[in-house]
Amino acid sequence: MFYKVKVKDFIRVPPHMFHLKKNDAVLQNVKATYENFISKELGFVMNVIDVYNVEEGVIVPGDGAGFYETEFDLLTYKPELNELVFGKIRDITDFGAFIDIGGVEGMVHISQSMDDFVSFSKEKVLMGKNTNRSIKVGDKCKARIIAISYKDLNNPKIGLTMRQEGLGKLEWLSEEQSNKVASSSVKPTDSKPKEAKKAE
C-alpha cells in the first residue's frame, strides 16, 4: 500500500551548496538521500512530498558541511502480504513473468501464472495447455502478493500469484464476469411434469 510518512532527520548540506537558500539546499539533499531508498521499515520511497521545519544548521568539526534537523514527508510504497495489485507485464522468462506494479517490480513464477499447465515459448509468451490462455509482455494483470523479502536491499523480492479466482489478465476477468452475467440471466425451467386432469 502507499503511505505518506513523516520523517525527522539531520540532513547534510555540503559547503558548495551554502550559496543556495537553506530550504532549497536541504530539499535537494533530502531527495538525493531518500528518493529510491529501500528499507524494511519504509518500504520503497517513491518521492519527497514536502520539506518543512528546517532548524538552524550546525557544522561538525573536520567535516565542513552543515547539518540541519529537518522534518519532511515521503510518499512510500510498502507491499503487504495478500495485498491485491494491478500492473503491466514488463518481461517474461522461462521461469515466470515480471510485473511493474507502480514503480516497483514483482515476479509471478510460471506455476503461479494461471490455474493450468503452463509452457513458455521463444516469443516470450506463457500459454495454458487446457485453457489456451496466454500472457505476453504489455498485458495488464491483477495479482496477489504472496511473498516479500528485503534480504538484499539492492534487489528486494516481491512474489505474486495469479492462480486464484478473480486474478490474472484483465481480459480473463472481463470474460468471467460476462459468463456469470449470462448464466444468471438464464432462468431454470420447471422440470416437474404437470398432473393430468381426470376425465369427468
Protein backbone atom coordinates (compact mmCIF):
# COMPACT_ATOMS: atom_id res chain seq x y z
CA MET A 1 0.00 0.00 0.00
CA PHE A 2 1.02 3.62 -0.50
CA TYR A 3 1.71 5.74 2.58
CA LYS A 4 2.51 9.34 3.42
CA VAL A 5 5.27 9.12 6.03
CA LYS A 6 6.55 11.95 8.25
CA VAL A 7 10.29 11.75 8.97
CA LYS A 8 12.69 13.80 11.12
CA ASP A 9 16.39 13.58 10.30
CA PHE A 10 19.65 15.56 10.23
CA ILE A 11 20.31 16.43 6.60
CA ARG A 12 23.88 17.06 5.45
CA VAL A 13 24.42 20.05 3.14
CA PRO A 14 27.95 20.21 1.63
CA PRO A 15 29.86 23.54 1.54
CA HIS A 16 29.47 24.01 -2.21
CA MET A 17 25.70 24.41 -1.66
CA PHE A 18 25.92 27.10 1.03
CA HIS A 19 25.11 29.79 -1.57
CA LEU A 20 21.61 28.33 -2.03
CA LYS A 21 18.61 29.19 0.10
CA LYS A 22 18.58 26.94 3.14
CA ASN A 23 15.31 25.17 2.31
CA ASP A 24 16.31 24.63 -1.33
CA ALA A 25 19.66 23.12 -0.34
CA VAL A 26 18.03 20.87 2.26
CA LEU A 27 15.33 19.75 -0.19
CA GLN A 28 17.91 18.76 -2.81
CA ASN A 29 19.80 16.67 -0.27
CA VAL A 30 16.66 15.05 1.15
CA LYS A 31 15.79 13.98 -2.40
CA ALA A 32 19.33 12.71 -3.03
CA THR A 33 19.26 10.71 0.21
CA TYR A 34 15.72 9.34 0.31
CA GLU A 35 14.27 9.06 -3.21
CA ASN A 36 14.55 5.43 -4.38
CA PHE A 37 15.65 4.46 -0.86
CA ILE A 38 14.51 0.98 0.21
CA SER A 39 14.17 -0.40 3.73
CA LYS A 40 12.02 -2.92 5.57
CA GLU A 41 10.58 -0.14 7.74
CA LEU A 42 9.73 2.37 4.99
CA GLY A 43 9.37 0.04 2.02
CA PHE A 44 10.10 1.77 -1.29
CA VAL A 45 10.44 5.57 -1.13
CA MET A 46 8.82 6.90 -4.30
CA ASN A 47 9.01 10.67 -3.79
CA VAL A 48 9.76 13.51 -1.36
CA ILE A 49 6.47 15.38 -0.97
CA ASP A 50 7.48 18.35 1.18
CA VAL A 51 10.21 19.68 3.47
CA TYR A 52 9.45 21.89 6.49
CA ASN A 53 10.66 22.86 9.96
CA VAL A 54 14.28 23.24 8.86
CA GLU A 55 16.23 24.17 12.00
CA GLU A 56 19.45 26.18 12.16
CA GLY A 57 22.42 24.23 10.89
CA VAL A 58 25.43 23.03 12.82
CA ILE A 59 28.90 22.37 11.44
CA VAL A 60 30.72 19.26 12.58
CA PRO A 61 34.47 19.82 13.11
CA GLY A 62 36.52 18.02 10.50
CA ASP A 63 33.59 17.76 8.06
CA GLY A 64 32.83 21.31 6.97
CA ALA A 65 29.27 20.53 5.89
CA GLY A 66 26.17 21.91 7.56
CA PHE A 67 23.73 19.56 9.29
CA TYR A 68 20.10 20.67 9.54
CA GLU A 69 17.49 18.95 11.67
CA THR A 70 14.55 18.73 9.28
CA GLU A 71 11.06 17.30 9.05
CA PHE A 72 9.74 16.08 5.71
CA ASP A 73 7.01 13.95 4.15
CA LEU A 74 7.70 10.95 1.95
CA LEU A 75 5.47 9.01 -0.43
CA THR A 76 6.31 5.35 0.11
CA TYR A 77 5.05 2.03 -1.17
CA LYS A 78 5.13 -0.78 1.39
CA PRO A 79 3.94 -4.11 -0.03
CA GLU A 80 1.85 -6.27 2.28
CA LEU A 81 1.11 -9.99 2.20
CA ASN A 82 -2.22 -10.83 0.48
CA GLU A 83 -2.44 -7.31 -0.97
CA LEU A 84 -4.16 -7.12 -4.37
CA VAL A 85 -2.18 -5.22 -7.00
CA PHE A 86 -2.65 -4.18 -10.61
CA GLY A 87 0.24 -3.99 -13.05
CA LYS A 88 1.62 -4.50 -16.53
CA ILE A 89 3.81 -7.39 -17.69
CA ARG A 90 7.30 -5.95 -18.25
CA ASP A 91 9.17 -9.14 -19.18
CA ILE A 92 8.65 -12.90 -19.46
CA THR A 93 11.24 -15.63 -18.97
CA ASP A 94 11.18 -19.41 -18.87
CA PHE A 95 10.56 -19.31 -15.10
CA GLY A 96 7.88 -16.61 -14.91
CA ALA A 97 6.71 -13.08 -15.57
CA PHE A 98 7.89 -9.74 -14.17
CA ILE A 99 5.15 -7.19 -13.45
CA ASP A 100 5.50 -3.43 -12.95
CA ILE A 101 3.10 -2.64 -10.11
CA GLY A 102 3.70 1.10 -9.99
CA GLY A 103 7.40 1.84 -9.82
CA VAL A 104 8.06 -1.49 -8.10
CA GLU A 105 8.57 -4.87 -9.75
CA GLY A 106 7.03 -8.16 -8.69
CA MET A 107 7.58 -11.66 -10.06
CA VAL A 108 5.00 -14.32 -10.89
CA HIS A 109 6.52 -17.80 -11.04
CA ILE A 110 5.35 -19.76 -14.09
CA SER A 111 3.47 -22.17 -11.80
CA GLN A 112 1.54 -19.22 -10.31
CA SER A 113 0.66 -17.51 -13.61
CA MET A 114 -2.66 -19.33 -14.11
CA ASP A 115 -4.57 -22.40 -12.92
CA ASP A 116 -3.31 -24.60 -15.76
CA PHE A 117 -0.25 -26.42 -17.06
CA VAL A 118 1.83 -23.56 -18.50
CA SER A 119 4.51 -23.60 -21.18
CA PHE A 120 6.99 -20.89 -22.27
CA SER A 121 7.59 -20.05 -25.92
CA LYS A 122 10.59 -18.37 -27.55
CA GLU A 123 8.27 -15.46 -28.40
CA LYS A 124 8.13 -14.76 -24.64
CA VAL A 125 4.56 -15.98 -24.19
CA LEU A 126 3.19 -18.11 -21.36
CA MET A 127 0.47 -20.44 -22.68
CA GLY A 128 -2.05 -22.56 -20.76
CA LYS A 129 -2.38 -26.10 -22.12
CA ASN A 130 -6.07 -26.68 -21.32
CA THR A 131 -7.47 -23.15 -21.32
CA ASN A 132 -5.40 -21.77 -24.24
CA ARG A 133 -4.99 -18.61 -22.20
CA SER A 134 -1.82 -16.63 -22.87
CA ILE A 135 0.26 -13.98 -21.12
CA LYS A 136 2.63 -11.71 -23.02
CA VAL A 137 4.63 -8.53 -22.48
CA GLY A 138 2.35 -5.49 -22.12
CA ASP A 139 -0.66 -7.39 -20.74
CA LYS A 140 -2.43 -5.76 -17.79
CA CYS A 141 -2.99 -8.09 -14.86
CA LYS A 142 -4.37 -8.37 -11.35
CA ALA A 143 -2.31 -10.32 -8.82
CA ARG A 144 -1.93 -11.00 -5.12
CA ILE A 145 1.28 -10.59 -3.09
CA ILE A 146 2.32 -13.91 -1.52
CA ALA A 147 5.97 -13.26 -0.57
CA ILE A 148 8.15 -10.28 0.38
CA SER A 149 11.90 -10.34 1.03
CA TYR A 150 14.25 -7.48 1.95
CA LYS A 151 17.25 -9.79 2.37
CA ASP A 152 19.05 -7.91 -0.44
CA LEU A 153 18.03 -4.24 -0.17
CA ASN A 154 19.52 -3.55 -3.60
CA ASN A 155 17.20 -6.14 -5.10
CA PRO A 156 14.17 -6.82 -2.85
CA LYS A 157 11.80 -9.59 -3.94
CA ILE A 158 8.02 -9.43 -4.26
CA GLY A 159 6.37 -12.75 -5.14
CA LEU A 160 2.94 -12.71 -6.81
CA THR A 161 0.25 -15.21 -7.76
CA MET A 162 -2.46 -15.12 -10.42
CA ARG A 163 -3.80 -18.67 -9.91
CA GLN A 164 -6.68 -17.80 -7.61
CA GLU A 165 -10.19 -16.92 -8.74
CA GLY A 166 -10.56 -13.25 -9.62
CA LEU A 167 -6.89 -12.87 -10.54
CA GLY A 168 -4.99 -12.90 -13.82
CA LYS A 169 -5.08 -10.97 -17.06
CA LEU A 170 -7.80 -8.33 -17.03
CA GLU A 171 -9.26 -9.76 -20.25
CA TRP A 172 -9.87 -13.07 -18.45
CA LEU A 173 -11.67 -11.30 -15.62
CA SER A 174 -13.94 -9.49 -18.09
CA GLU A 175 -14.74 -12.80 -19.79
CA GLU A 176 -15.51 -14.47 -16.45
CA GLN A 177 -17.78 -11.61 -15.45
CA SER A 178 -19.63 -11.78 -18.78
CA ASN A 179 -20.11 -15.54 -18.38
CA LYS A 180 -21.51 -15.07 -14.87
CA VAL A 181 -23.98 -12.44 -16.12
CA ALA A 182 -25.04 -14.71 -18.99
CA SER A 183 -25.53 -17.66 -16.63
CA SER A 184 -27.61 -15.66 -14.17
CA SER A 185 -29.90 -14.40 -16.95
CA VAL A 186 -30.95 -17.95 -17.92
CA LYS A 187 -33.98 -18.87 -15.81
CA PRO A 188 -34.33 -22.55 -14.87
CA THR A 189 -37.39 -24.30 -16.29
CA ASP A 190 -39.86 -26.22 -14.16
CA SER A 191 -38.97 -29.84 -14.92
CA LYS A 192 -41.79 -31.25 -12.78
CA PRO A 193 -44.44 -32.81 -15.08
CA LYS A 194 -47.89 -31.34 -14.84
CA GLU A 195 -50.59 -33.60 -13.40
CA ALA A 196 -53.14 -34.80 -15.93
CA LYS A 197 -56.72 -33.75 -15.30
CA LYS A 198 -59.15 -36.53 -14.53
CA ALA A 199 -61.85 -37.09 -17.11
CA GLU A 200 -65.34 -36.15 -15.97
